[in-house]
């Protein structure tokens, strides 16, 4: 359950922050190695900013 303070980001912001395409983000989520999307509407997903930040911090630098 999301709290009122949980900040969500959209796919475009996640793509910009990671440099990865939508298909790559979906594959990473399916494999359990990337942030998991949260379904907020019939055709809309968002990602928890805190989970994305933690995931990015744990990844090796390019």
C-alpha atoms as a PDB file:
ATOM      1  CA  UNK A   1       0.000   0.000   0.000  1.00  0.00           C
ATOM      2  CA  UNK A   2       1.277   3.433  -0.911  1.00  0.00           C
ATOM      3  CA  UNK A   3       1.383   6.156   1.686  1.00  0.00           C
ATOM      4  CA  UNK A   4       0.502   9.781   1.005  1.00  0.00           C
ATOM      5  CA  UNK A   5       4.222  10.657   1.043  1.00  0.00           C
ATOM      6  CA  UNK A   6       5.230   8.076  -1.578  1.00  0.00           C
ATOM      7  CA  UNK A   7       6.430   9.921  -4.641  1.00  0.00           C
ATOM      8  CA  UNK A   8       5.909   8.215  -7.974  1.00  0.00           C
ATOM      9  CA  UNK A   9       7.731   8.833 -11.244  1.00  0.00           C
ATOM     10  CA  UNK A  10       6.624   7.989 -14.748  1.00  0.00           C
ATOM     11  CA  UNK A  11       8.295   5.872 -17.398  1.00  0.00           C
ATOM     12  CA  UNK A  12       9.816   8.851 -19.209  1.00  0.00           C
ATOM     13  CA  UNK A  13      11.618  10.026 -16.083  1.00  0.00           C
ATOM     14  CA  UNK A  14      12.863   6.500 -15.381  1.00  0.00           C
ATOM     15  CA  UNK A  15      14.102   6.174 -18.961  1.00  0.00           C
ATOM     16  CA  UNK A  16      15.916   9.517 -18.671  1.00  0.00           C
ATOM     17  CA  UNK A  17      17.533   8.587 -15.353  1.00  0.00           C
ATOM     18  CA  UNK A  18      18.676   5.143 -16.495  1.00  0.00           C
ATOM     19  CA  UNK A  19      19.325   5.697 -20.192  1.00  0.00           C
ATOM     20  CA  UNK A  20      17.399   2.461 -20.823  1.00  0.00           C
ATOM     21  CA  UNK A  21      14.498   1.908 -23.212  1.00  0.00           C
ATOM     22  CA  UNK A  22      11.007   0.845 -22.189  1.00  0.00           C
ATOM     23  CA  UNK A  23      11.598  -2.711 -23.404  1.00  0.00           C
ATOM     24  CA  UNK A  24      14.781  -2.948 -21.322  1.00  0.00           C
ATOM     25  CA  UNK A  25      13.007  -1.594 -18.232  1.00  0.00           C
ATOM     26  CA  UNK A  26      10.230  -4.163 -18.690  1.00  0.00           C
ATOM     27  CA  UNK A  27      12.761  -6.973 -19.105  1.00  0.00           C
ATOM     28  CA  UNK A  28      14.690  -5.903 -15.991  1.00  0.00           C
ATOM     29  CA  UNK A  29      11.455  -5.802 -13.946  1.00  0.00           C
ATOM     30  CA  UNK A  30      10.412  -9.232 -15.254  1.00  0.00           C
ATOM     31  CA  UNK A  31      13.823 -10.680 -14.347  1.00  0.00           C
ATOM     32  CA  UNK A  32      13.728  -9.050 -10.906  1.00  0.00           C
ATOM     33  CA  UNK A  33      16.848  -6.940 -11.523  1.00  0.00           C
ATOM     34  CA  UNK A  34      15.138  -3.581 -11.991  1.00  0.00           C
ATOM     35  CA  UNK A  35      12.484  -1.447 -10.348  1.00  0.00           C
ATOM     36  CA  UNK A  36       8.985  -2.927 -10.368  1.00  0.00           C
ATOM     37  CA  UNK A  37       6.188  -0.833 -11.855  1.00  0.00           C
ATOM     38  CA  UNK A  38       3.032  -0.020  -9.909  1.00  0.00           C
ATOM     39  CA  UNK A  39      -0.196  -0.130 -11.902  1.00  0.00           C
ATOM     40  CA  UNK A  40      -2.159   3.054 -11.197  1.00  0.00           C
ATOM     41  CA  UNK A  41      -4.678   2.842 -14.039  1.00  0.00           C
ATOM     42  CA  UNK A  42      -5.808   0.575 -16.864  1.00  0.00           C
ATOM     43  CA  UNK A  43      -2.898   1.672 -19.074  1.00  0.00           C
ATOM     44  CA  UNK A  44      -0.687   3.560 -16.654  1.00  0.00           C
ATOM     45  CA  UNK A  45       2.212   2.528 -14.466  1.00  0.00           C
ATOM     46  CA  UNK A  46       4.480   4.493 -12.158  1.00  0.00           C
ATOM     47  CA  UNK A  47       7.629   3.696 -10.220  1.00  0.00           C
ATOM     48  CA  UNK A  48       8.378   4.514  -6.587  1.00  0.00           C
ATOM     49  CA  UNK A  49      11.066   7.191  -6.489  1.00  0.00           C
ATOM     50  CA  UNK A  50      12.648   5.785  -3.309  1.00  0.00           C
ATOM     51  CA  UNK A  51      12.965   2.304  -4.846  1.00  0.00           C
ATOM     52  CA  UNK A  52      14.422   3.725  -8.069  1.00  0.00           C
ATOM     53  CA  UNK A  53      16.927   5.847  -6.109  1.00  0.00           C
ATOM     54  CA  UNK A  54      18.017   2.835  -4.040  1.00  0.00           C
ATOM     55  CA  UNK A  55      18.279   0.651  -7.143  1.00  0.00           C
ATOM     56  CA  UNK A  56      20.374   3.251  -8.993  1.00  0.00           C
ATOM     57  CA  UNK A  57      22.647   3.726  -5.960  1.00  0.00           C
ATOM     58  CA  UNK A  58      23.337  -0.010  -5.849  1.00  0.00           C
ATOM     59  CA  UNK A  59      24.280  -0.300  -9.524  1.00  0.00           C
ATOM     60  CA  UNK A  60      27.916  -0.096 -10.598  1.00  0.00           C
ATOM     61  CA  UNK A  61      28.975   3.133 -12.299  1.00  0.00           C
ATOM     62  CA  UNK A  62      29.311   2.961 -16.075  1.00  0.00           C
END
